Amino acid sequence: KRLGKQTPSRKRRGLFVIRRNDAPVPRLRCDECDREISPLTTRSNLRWIKDRAHLAREVLRHSNDGLDSWMMESLAFLEEHGEHGVSVLA
């Protein structure tokens, strides 16, 4: 016997980022050659890795599991454009 109107069940959301189409995407940009990458992470994380790339490299050297993919992508970009100015944009 049903009591009252049933509402559709809510879909569960996993642990993933939902971005609105009009939301700015955080990215690293080389000021000299204008090349950009947009790792799937936050602007504050990109600022952190830009300012502390030496620290992330040291962790990578002693880690058996490696780093998150956004860290690896960011470090590769910073390594490639190390002599250039790099900006964090959003």
PDB file of N, CA and C in Angstrom:
ATOM      1  N   LYS A   1       0.841  -1.171   0.000  1.00  0.00           N
ATOM      2  CA  LYS A   1       0.000   0.000   0.000  1.00  0.00           C
ATOM      3  C   LYS A   1       0.890   1.240   0.000  1.00  0.00           C
ATOM      4  N   ARG A   2       0.707   2.118  -0.959  1.00  0.00           N
ATOM      5  CA  ARG A   2       1.508   3.330  -1.060  1.00  0.00           C
ATOM      6  C   ARG A   2       0.850   4.457  -0.293  1.00  0.00           C
ATOM      7  N   LEU A   3       1.657   5.168   0.431  1.00  0.00           N
ATOM      8  CA  LEU A   3       1.157   6.312   1.169  1.00  0.00           C
ATOM      9  C   LEU A   3       1.667   7.581   0.516  1.00  0.00           C
ATOM     10  N   GLY A   4       0.826   8.348  -0.069  1.00  0.00           N
ATOM     11  CA  GLY A   4       1.212   9.622  -0.669  1.00  0.00           C
ATOM     12  C   GLY A   4       1.993   9.441  -1.960  1.00  0.00           C
ATOM     13  N   LYS A   5       2.419  10.558  -2.480  1.00  0.00           N
ATOM     14  CA  LYS A   5       3.142  10.578  -3.749  1.00  0.00           C
ATOM     15  C   LYS A   5       4.618  10.240  -3.519  1.00  0.00           C
ATOM     16  N   GLN A   6       5.138   9.342  -4.340  1.00  0.00           N
ATOM     17  CA  GLN A   6       6.549   8.993  -4.225  1.00  0.00           C
ATOM     18  C   GLN A   6       7.381   9.933  -5.096  1.00  0.00           C
ATOM     19  N   THR A   7       8.509  10.320  -4.574  1.00  0.00           N
ATOM     20  CA  THR A   7       9.404  11.182  -5.351  1.00  0.00           C
ATOM     21  C   THR A   7      10.506  10.321  -5.943  1.00  0.00           C
ATOM     22  N   PRO A   8      10.998  10.720  -7.114  1.00  0.00           N
ATOM     23  CA  PRO A   8      12.079   9.928  -7.710  1.00  0.00           C
ATOM     24  C   PRO A   8      13.313   9.956  -6.820  1.00  0.00           C
ATOM     25  N   SER A   9      14.026   8.852  -6.822  1.00  0.00           N
ATOM     26  CA  SER A   9      15.213   8.793  -5.965  1.00  0.00           C
ATOM     27  C   SER A   9      16.294   9.722  -6.515  1.00  0.00           C
ATOM     28  N   ARG A  10      17.078  10.292  -5.617  1.00  0.00           N
ATOM     29  CA  ARG A  10      18.163  11.184  -6.016  1.00  0.00           C
ATOM     30  C   ARG A  10      19.318  10.351  -6.538  1.00  0.00           C
ATOM     31  N   LYS A  11      19.951  10.839  -7.586  1.00  0.00           N
ATOM     32  CA  LYS A  11      21.139  10.160  -8.085  1.00  0.00           C
ATOM     33  C   LYS A  11      22.307  10.537  -7.198  1.00  0.00           C
ATOM     34  N   ARG A  12      23.095   9.556  -6.870  1.00  0.00           N
ATOM     35  CA  ARG A  12      24.273   9.819  -6.044  1.00  0.00           C
ATOM     36  C   ARG A  12      25.364  10.397  -6.919  1.00  0.00           C
ATOM     37  N   ARG A  13      26.044  11.366  -6.391  1.00  0.00           N
ATOM     38  CA  ARG A  13      27.159  11.951  -7.121  1.00  0.00           C
ATOM     39  C   ARG A  13      28.451  11.410  -6.553  1.00  0.00           C
ATOM     40  N   GLY A  14      29.337  10.999  -7.437  1.00  0.00           N
ATOM     41  CA  GLY A  14      30.636  10.492  -7.021  1.00  0.00           C
ATOM     42  C   GLY A  14      31.570  11.631  -6.675  1.00  0.00           C
ATOM     43  N   LEU A  15      32.808  11.310  -6.433  1.00  0.00           N
ATOM     44  CA  LEU A  15      33.806  12.312  -6.100  1.00  0.00           C
ATOM     45  C   LEU A  15      34.451  12.824  -7.385  1.00  0.00           C
ATOM     46  N   PHE A  16      33.740  13.666  -8.077  1.00  0.00           N
ATOM     47  CA  PHE A  16      34.296  14.270  -9.279  1.00  0.00           C
ATOM     48  C   PHE A  16      33.867  15.719  -9.332  1.00  0.00           C
ATOM     49  N   VAL A  17      34.573  16.482 -10.126  1.00  0.00           N
ATOM     50  CA  VAL A  17      34.326  17.918 -10.203  1.00  0.00           C
ATOM     51  C   VAL A  17      33.273  18.195 -11.255  1.00  0.00           C
ATOM     52  N   ILE A  18      32.277  18.972 -10.886  1.00  0.00           N
ATOM     53  CA  ILE A  18      31.274  19.417 -11.850  1.00  0.00           C
ATOM     54  C   ILE A  18      31.552  20.886 -12.137  1.00  0.00           C
ATOM     55  N   ARG A  19      31.871  21.183 -13.380  1.00  0.00           N
ATOM     56  CA  ARG A  19      32.158  22.565 -13.744  1.00  0.00           C
ATOM     57  C   ARG A  19      31.018  23.123 -14.576  1.00  0.00           C
ATOM     58  N   ARG A  20      30.670  24.328 -14.274  1.00  0.00           N
ATOM     59  CA  ARG A  20      29.687  25.006 -15.103  1.00  0.00           C
ATOM     60  C   ARG A  20      30.395  25.461 -16.366  1.00  0.00           C
ATOM     61  N   ASN A  21      29.668  25.528 -17.460  1.00  0.00           N
ATOM     62  CA  ASN A  21      30.266  25.916 -18.731  1.00  0.00           C
ATOM     63  C   ASN A  21      30.847  27.317 -18.696  1.00  0.00           C
ATOM     64  N   ASP A  22      30.295  28.196 -17.894  1.00  0.00           N
ATOM     65  CA  ASP A  22      30.777  29.576 -17.864  1.00  0.00           C
ATOM     66  C   ASP A  22      31.821  29.810 -16.767  1.00  0.00           C
ATOM     67  N   ALA A  23      32.174  28.786 -16.015  1.00  0.00           N
ATOM     68  CA  ALA A  23      33.166  28.934 -14.947  1.00  0.00           C
ATOM     69  C   ALA A  23      34.568  28.940 -15.554  1.00  0.00           C
ATOM     70  N   PRO A  24      35.437  29.831 -15.084  1.00  0.00           N
ATOM     71  CA  PRO A  24      36.805  29.847 -15.605  1.00  0.00           C
ATOM     72  C   PRO A  24      37.562  28.586 -15.204  1.00  0.00           C
ATOM     73  N   VAL A  25      38.377  28.091 -16.115  1.00  0.00           N
ATOM     74  CA  VAL A  25      39.152  26.879 -15.874  1.00  0.00           C
ATOM     75  C   VAL A  25      40.555  27.278 -15.422  1.00  0.00           C
ATOM     76  N   PRO A  26      41.017  26.787 -14.278  1.00  0.00           N
ATOM     77  CA  PRO A  26      42.374  27.110 -13.825  1.00  0.00           C
ATOM     78  C   PRO A  26      43.403  26.510 -14.774  1.00  0.00           C
ATOM     79  N   ARG A  27      44.466  27.277 -15.052  1.00  0.00           N
ATOM     80  CA  ARG A  27      45.478  26.792 -15.979  1.00  0.00           C
ATOM     81  C   ARG A  27      46.820  27.454 -15.716  1.00  0.00           C
ATOM     82  N   LEU A  28      47.872  26.832 -16.220  1.00  0.00           N
ATOM     83  CA  LEU A  28      49.208  27.403 -16.202  1.00  0.00           C
ATOM     84  C   LEU A  28      49.503  27.917 -17.609  1.00  0.00           C
ATOM     85  N   ARG A  29      50.114  29.088 -17.683  1.00  0.00           N
ATOM     86  CA  ARG A  29      50.407  29.675 -18.997  1.00  0.00           C
ATOM     87  C   ARG A  29      51.827  30.216 -19.017  1.00  0.00           C
ATOM     88  N   CYS A  30      52.555  29.897 -20.084  1.00  0.00           N
ATOM     89  CA  CYS A  30      53.897  30.428 -20.283  1.00  0.00           C
ATOM     90  C   CYS A  30      53.760  31.831 -20.849  1.00  0.00           C
ATOM     91  N   ASP A  31      54.389  32.803 -20.200  1.00  0.00           N
ATOM     92  CA  ASP A  31      54.267  34.200 -20.624  1.00  0.00           C
ATOM     93  C   ASP A  31      55.012  34.492 -21.920  1.00  0.00           C
ATOM     94  N   GLU A  32      56.007  33.683 -22.255  1.00  0.00           N
ATOM     95  CA  GLU A  32      56.793  33.949 -23.466  1.00  0.00           C
ATOM     96  C   GLU A  32      56.210  33.295 -24.708  1.00  0.00           C
ATOM     97  N   CYS A  33      55.846  32.017 -24.617  1.00  0.00           N
ATOM     98  CA  CYS A  33      55.356  31.328 -25.824  1.00  0.00           C
ATOM     99  C   CYS A  33      53.838  31.149 -25.839  1.00  0.00           C
ATOM    100  N   ASP A  34      53.156  31.619 -24.803  1.00  0.00           N
ATOM    101  CA  ASP A  34      51.686  31.568 -24.705  1.00  0.00           C
ATOM    102  C   ASP A  34      51.107  30.156 -24.726  1.00  0.00           C
ATOM    103  N   ARG A  35      51.891  29.148 -24.430  1.00  0.00           N
ATOM    104  CA  ARG A  35      51.365  27.787 -24.322  1.00  0.00           C
ATOM    105  C   ARG A  35      50.699  27.637 -22.962  1.00  0.00           C
ATOM    106  N   GLU A  36      49.573  26.901 -22.925  1.00  0.00           N
ATOM    107  CA  GLU A  36      48.816  26.706 -21.688  1.00  0.00           C
ATOM    108  C   GLU A  36      48.509  25.236 -21.481  1.00  0.00           C
ATOM    109  N   ILE A  37      48.358  24.857 -20.213  1.00  0.00           N
ATOM    110  CA  ILE A  37      47.810  23.552 -19.859  1.00  0.00           C
ATOM    111  C   ILE A  37      46.739  23.779 -18.800  1.00  0.00           C
ATOM    112  N   SER A  38      45.790  22.871 -18.747  1.00  0.00           N
ATOM    113  CA  SER A  38      44.698  22.971 -17.774  1.00  0.00           C
ATOM    114  C   SER A  38      44.544  21.651 -17.027  1.00  0.00           C
ATOM    115  N   PRO A  39      45.451  21.363 -16.083  1.00  0.00           N
ATOM    116  CA  PRO A  39      45.298  20.132 -15.301  1.00  0.00           C
ATOM    117  C   PRO A  39      44.008  20.181 -14.484  1.00  0.00           C
ATOM    118  N   LEU A  40      43.417  19.047 -14.250  1.00  0.00           N
ATOM    119  CA  LEU A  40      42.157  18.985 -13.516  1.00  0.00           C
ATOM    120  C   LEU A  40      42.428  19.150 -12.024  1.00  0.00           C
ATOM    121  N   THR A  41      42.503  20.414 -11.603  1.00  0.00           N
ATOM    122  CA  THR A  41      42.733  20.746 -10.200  1.00  0.00           C
ATOM    123  C   THR A  41      42.285  22.181  -9.965  1.00  0.00           C
ATOM    124  N   THR A  42      42.497  22.672  -8.779  1.00  0.00           N
ATOM    125  CA  THR A  42      42.068  24.021  -8.425  1.00  0.00           C
ATOM    126  C   THR A  42      43.171  25.044  -8.704  1.00  0.00           C
ATOM    127  N   ARG A  43      42.781  26.298  -8.743  1.00  0.00           N
ATOM    128  CA  ARG A  43      43.737  27.381  -8.958  1.00  0.00           C
ATOM    129  C   ARG A  43      44.745  27.453  -7.806  1.00  0.00           C
ATOM    130  N   SER A  44      44.281  27.237  -6.592  1.00  0.00           N
ATOM    131  CA  SER A  44      45.193  27.290  -5.448  1.00  0.00           C
ATOM    132  C   SER A  44      46.225  26.163  -5.509  1.00  0.00           C
ATOM    133  N   ASN A  45      45.834  24.981  -6.004  1.00  0.00           N
ATOM    134  CA  ASN A  45      46.799  23.895  -6.178  1.00  0.00           C
ATOM    135  C   ASN A  45      47.845  24.245  -7.233  1.00  0.00           C
ATOM    136  N   LEU A  46      47.420  24.898  -8.307  1.00  0.00           N
ATOM    137  CA  LEU A  46      48.372  25.305  -9.343  1.00  0.00           C
ATOM    138  C   LEU A  46      49.341  26.352  -8.809  1.00  0.00           C
ATOM    139  N   ARG A  47      48.823  27.293  -8.016  1.00  0.00           N
ATOM    140  CA  ARG A  47      49.712  28.281  -7.392  1.00  0.00           C
ATOM    141  C   ARG A  47      50.708  27.594  -6.461  1.00  0.00           C
ATOM    142  N   TRP A  48      50.220  26.603  -5.709  1.00  0.00           N
ATOM    143  CA  TRP A  48      51.079  25.881  -4.778  1.00  0.00           C
ATOM    144  C   TRP A  48      52.211  25.184  -5.519  1.00  0.00           C
ATOM    145  N   ILE A  49      51.872  24.455  -6.586  1.00  0.00           N
ATOM    146  CA  ILE A  49      52.921  23.698  -7.282  1.00  0.00           C
ATOM    147  C   ILE A  49      53.875  24.623  -8.024  1.00  0.00           C
ATOM    148  N   LYS A  50      53.388  25.748  -8.501  1.00  0.00           N
ATOM    149  CA  LYS A  50      54.268  26.714  -9.165  1.00  0.00           C
ATOM    150  C   LYS A  50      55.275  27.278  -8.158  1.00  0.00           C
ATOM    151  N   ASP A  51      54.814  27.609  -6.986  1.00  0.00           N
ATOM    152  CA  ASP A  51      55.682  28.194  -5.962  1.00  0.00           C
ATOM    153  C   ASP A  51      56.569  27.162  -5.263  1.00  0.00           C
ATOM    154  N   ARG A  52      56.163  25.907  -5.297  1.00  0.00           N
ATOM    155  CA  ARG A  52      56.903  24.876  -4.560  1.00  0.00           C
ATOM    156  C   ARG A  52      57.282  23.683  -5.441  1.00  0.00           C
ATOM    157  N   ALA A  53      57.606  23.953  -6.694  1.00  0.00           N
ATOM    158  CA  ALA A  53      57.961  22.868  -7.626  1.00  0.00           C
ATOM    159  C   ALA A  53      59.148  22.068  -7.103  1.00  0.00           C
ATOM    160  N   HIS A  54      60.110  22.753  -6.498  1.00  0.00           N
ATOM    161  CA  HIS A  54      61.285  22.062  -5.952  1.00  0.00           C
ATOM    162  C   HIS A  54      60.890  21.049  -4.881  1.00  0.00           C
ATOM    163  N   LEU A  55      59.895  21.393  -4.083  1.00  0.00           N
ATOM    164  CA  LEU A  55      59.412  20.502  -3.037  1.00  0.00           C
ATOM    165  C   LEU A  55      58.704  19.289  -3.636  1.00  0.00           C
ATOM    166  N   ALA A  56      57.866  19.520  -4.645  1.00  0.00           N
ATOM    167  CA  ALA A  56      57.142  18.427  -5.298  1.00  0.00           C
ATOM    168  C   ALA A  56      58.115  17.470  -5.984  1.00  0.00           C
ATOM    169  N   ARG A  57      59.184  18.005  -6.580  1.00  0.00           N
ATOM    170  CA  ARG A  57      60.195  17.148  -7.213  1.00  0.00           C
ATOM    171  C   ARG A  57      60.905  16.271  -6.174  1.00  0.00           C
ATOM    172  N   GLU A  58      61.165  16.847  -5.024  1.00  0.00           N
ATOM    173  CA  GLU A  58      61.821  16.087  -3.952  1.00  0.00           C
ATOM    174  C   GLU A  58      60.909  14.971  -3.455  1.00  0.00           C
ATOM    175  N   VAL A  59      59.624  15.242  -3.302  1.00  0.00           N
ATOM    176  CA  VAL A  59      58.659  14.212  -2.887  1.00  0.00           C
ATOM    177  C   VAL A  59      58.606  13.109  -3.940  1.00  0.00           C
ATOM    178  N   LEU A  60      58.596  13.491  -5.203  1.00  0.00           N
ATOM    179  CA  LEU A  60      58.559  12.516  -6.297  1.00  0.00           C
ATOM    180  C   LEU A  60      59.784  11.609  -6.263  1.00  0.00           C
ATOM    181  N   ARG A  61      60.928  12.169  -5.970  1.00  0.00           N
ATOM    182  CA  ARG A  61      62.169  11.402  -5.924  1.00  0.00           C
ATOM    183  C   ARG A  61      62.117  10.300  -4.851  1.00  0.00           C
ATOM    184  N   HIS A  62      61.411  10.541  -3.758  1.00  0.00           N
ATOM    185  CA  HIS A  62      61.363   9.597  -2.647  1.00  0.00           C
ATOM    186  C   HIS A  62      60.059   8.807  -2.572  1.00  0.00           C
ATOM    187  N   SER A  63      59.192   8.991  -3.549  1.00  0.00           N
ATOM    188  CA  SER A  63      57.888   8.334  -3.514  1.00  0.00           C
ATOM    189  C   SER A  63      57.893   7.088  -4.401  1.00  0.00           C
ATOM    190  N   ASN A  64      57.303   6.025  -3.906  1.00  0.00           N
ATOM    191  CA  ASN A  64      57.171   4.805  -4.702  1.00  0.00           C
ATOM    192  C   ASN A  64      55.936   4.847  -5.591  1.00  0.00           C
ATOM    193  N   ASP A  65      54.923   5.591  -5.161  1.00  0.00           N
ATOM    194  CA  ASP A  65      53.649   5.619  -5.878  1.00  0.00           C
ATOM    195  C   ASP A  65      53.538   6.756  -6.886  1.00  0.00           C
ATOM    196  N   GLY A  66      54.490   7.669  -6.912  1.00  0.00           N
ATOM    197  CA  GLY A  66      54.395   8.809  -7.811  1.00  0.00           C
ATOM    198  C   GLY A  66      53.476   9.878  -7.237  1.00  0.00           C
ATOM    199  N   LEU A  67      53.157  10.842  -8.055  1.00  0.00           N
ATOM    200  CA  LEU A  67      52.296  11.946  -7.647  1.00  0.00           C
ATOM    201  C   LEU A  67      50.991  11.898  -8.423  1.00  0.00           C
ATOM    202  N   ASP A  68      50.030  12.713  -8.014  1.00  0.00           N
ATOM    203  CA  ASP A  68      48.778  12.821  -8.757  1.00  0.00           C
ATOM    204  C   ASP A  68      49.068  13.290 -10.174  1.00  0.00           C
ATOM    205  N   SER A  69      48.183  12.952 -11.101  1.00  0.00           N
ATOM    206  CA  SER A  69      48.407  13.293 -12.510  1.00  0.00           C
ATOM    207  C   SER A  69      48.508  14.797 -12.738  1.00  0.00           C
ATOM    208  N   TRP A  70      47.718  15.600 -11.998  1.00  0.00           N
ATOM    209  CA  TRP A  70      47.801  17.049 -12.198  1.00  0.00           C
ATOM    210  C   TRP A  70      49.163  17.569 -11.771  1.00  0.00           C
ATOM    211  N   MET A  71      49.747  16.952 -10.747  1.00  0.00           N
ATOM    212  CA  MET A  71      51.077  17.365 -10.302  1.00  0.00           C
ATOM    213  C   MET A  71      52.127  17.011 -11.346  1.00  0.00           C
ATOM    214  N   MET A  72      52.055  15.813 -11.885  1.00  0.00           N
ATOM    215  CA  MET A  72      53.016  15.379 -12.896  1.00  0.00           C
ATOM    216  C   MET A  72      52.921  16.260 -14.144  1.00  0.00           C
ATOM    217  N   GLU A  73      51.705  16.555 -14.575  1.00  0.00           N
ATOM    218  CA  GLU A  73      51.496  17.403 -15.752  1.00  0.00           C
ATOM    219  C   GLU A  73      52.024  18.816 -15.500  1.00  0.00           C
ATOM    220  N   SER A  74      51.761  19.341 -14.324  1.00  0.00           N
ATOM    221  CA  SER A  74      52.224  20.692 -13.980  1.00  0.00           C
ATOM    222  C   SER A  74      53.741  20.754 -13.877  1.00  0.00           C
ATOM    223  N   LEU A  75      54.343  19.744 -13.239  1.00  0.00           N
ATOM    224  CA  LEU A  75      55.799  19.721 -13.111  1.00  0.00           C
ATOM    225  C   LEU A  75      56.473  19.625 -14.481  1.00  0.00           C
ATOM    226  N   ALA A  76      55.925  18.822 -15.372  1.00  0.00           N
ATOM    227  CA  ALA A  76      56.487  18.704 -16.724  1.00  0.00           C
ATOM    228  C   ALA A  76      56.408  20.044 -17.449  1.00  0.00           C
ATOM    229  N   PHE A  77      55.293  20.740 -17.308  1.00  0.00           N
ATOM    230  CA  PHE A  77      55.118  22.051 -17.939  1.00  0.00           C
ATOM    231  C   PHE A  77      56.114  23.049 -17.359  1.00  0.00           C
ATOM    232  N   LEU A  78      56.245  23.071 -16.034  1.00  0.00           N
ATOM    233  CA  LEU A  78      57.174  24.006 -15.392  1.00  0.00           C
ATOM    234  C   LEU A  78      58.617  23.682 -15.763  1.00  0.00           C
ATOM    235  N   GLU A  79      58.926  22.416 -15.924  1.00  0.00           N
ATOM    236  CA  GLU A  79      60.270  22.006 -16.330  1.00  0.00           C
ATOM    237  C   GLU A  79      60.564  22.497 -17.754  1.00  0.00           C
ATOM    238  N   GLU A  80      59.592  22.326 -18.637  1.00  0.00           N
ATOM    239  CA  GLU A  80      59.747  22.732 -20.035  1.00  0.00           C
ATOM    240  C   GLU A  80      59.865  24.252 -20.180  1.00  0.00           C
ATOM    241  N   HIS A  81      59.154  24.994 -19.353  1.00  0.00           N
ATOM    242  CA  HIS A  81      59.109  26.455 -19.444  1.00  0.00           C
ATOM    243  C   HIS A  81      59.792  27.104 -18.245  1.00  0.00           C
ATOM    244  N   GLY A  82      60.762  26.417 -17.669  1.00  0.00           N
ATOM    245  CA  GLY A  82      61.422  26.879 -16.445  1.00  0.00           C
ATOM    246  C   GLY A  82      62.100  28.225 -16.566  1.00  0.00           C
ATOM    247  N   GLU A  83      62.652  28.545 -17.718  1.00  0.00           N
ATOM    248  CA  GLU A  83      63.343  29.821 -17.907  1.00  0.00           C
ATOM    249  C   GLU A  83      62.376  30.944 -18.266  1.00  0.00           C
ATOM    250  N   HIS A  84      61.156  30.601 -18.587  1.00  0.00           N
ATOM    251  CA  HIS A  84      60.145  31.597 -18.964  1.00  0.00           C
ATOM    252  C   HIS A  84      59.343  31.989 -17.731  1.00  0.00           C
ATOM    253  N   GLY A  85      58.632  33.086 -17.809  1.00  0.00           N
ATOM    254  CA  GLY A  85      57.685  33.424 -16.760  1.00  0.00           C
ATOM    255  C   GLY A  85      56.432  32.575 -16.938  1.00  0.00           C
ATOM    256  N   VAL A  86      55.928  32.027 -15.861  1.00  0.00           N
ATOM    257  CA  VAL A  86      54.718  31.202 -15.921  1.00  0.00           C
ATOM    258  C   VAL A  86      53.671  31.827 -15.007  1.00  0.00           C
ATOM    259  N   SER A  87      52.460  31.960 -15.532  1.00  0.00           N
ATOM    260  CA  SER A  87      51.355  32.563 -14.771  1.00  0.00           C
ATOM    261  C   SER A  87      50.310  31.505 -14.461  1.00  0.00           C
ATOM    262  N   VAL A  88      49.624  31.688 -13.331  1.00  0.00           N
ATOM    263  CA  VAL A  88      48.477  30.858 -12.981  1.00  0.00           C
ATOM    264  C   VAL A  88      47.239  31.682 -13.280  1.00  0.00           C
ATOM    265  N   LEU A  89      46.387  31.159 -14.139  1.00  0.00           N
ATOM    266  CA  LEU A  89      45.176  31.867 -14.568  1.00  0.00           C
ATOM    267  C   LEU A  89      43.934  31.089 -14.189  1.00  0.00           C
ATOM    268  N   ALA A  90      42.838  31.797 -14.131  1.00  0.00           N
ATOM    269  CA  ALA A  90      41.547  31.138 -13.912  1.00  0.00           C
ATOM    270  C   ALA A  90      40.468  31.916 -14.607  1.00  0.00           C
TER     271      ALA A  90
END
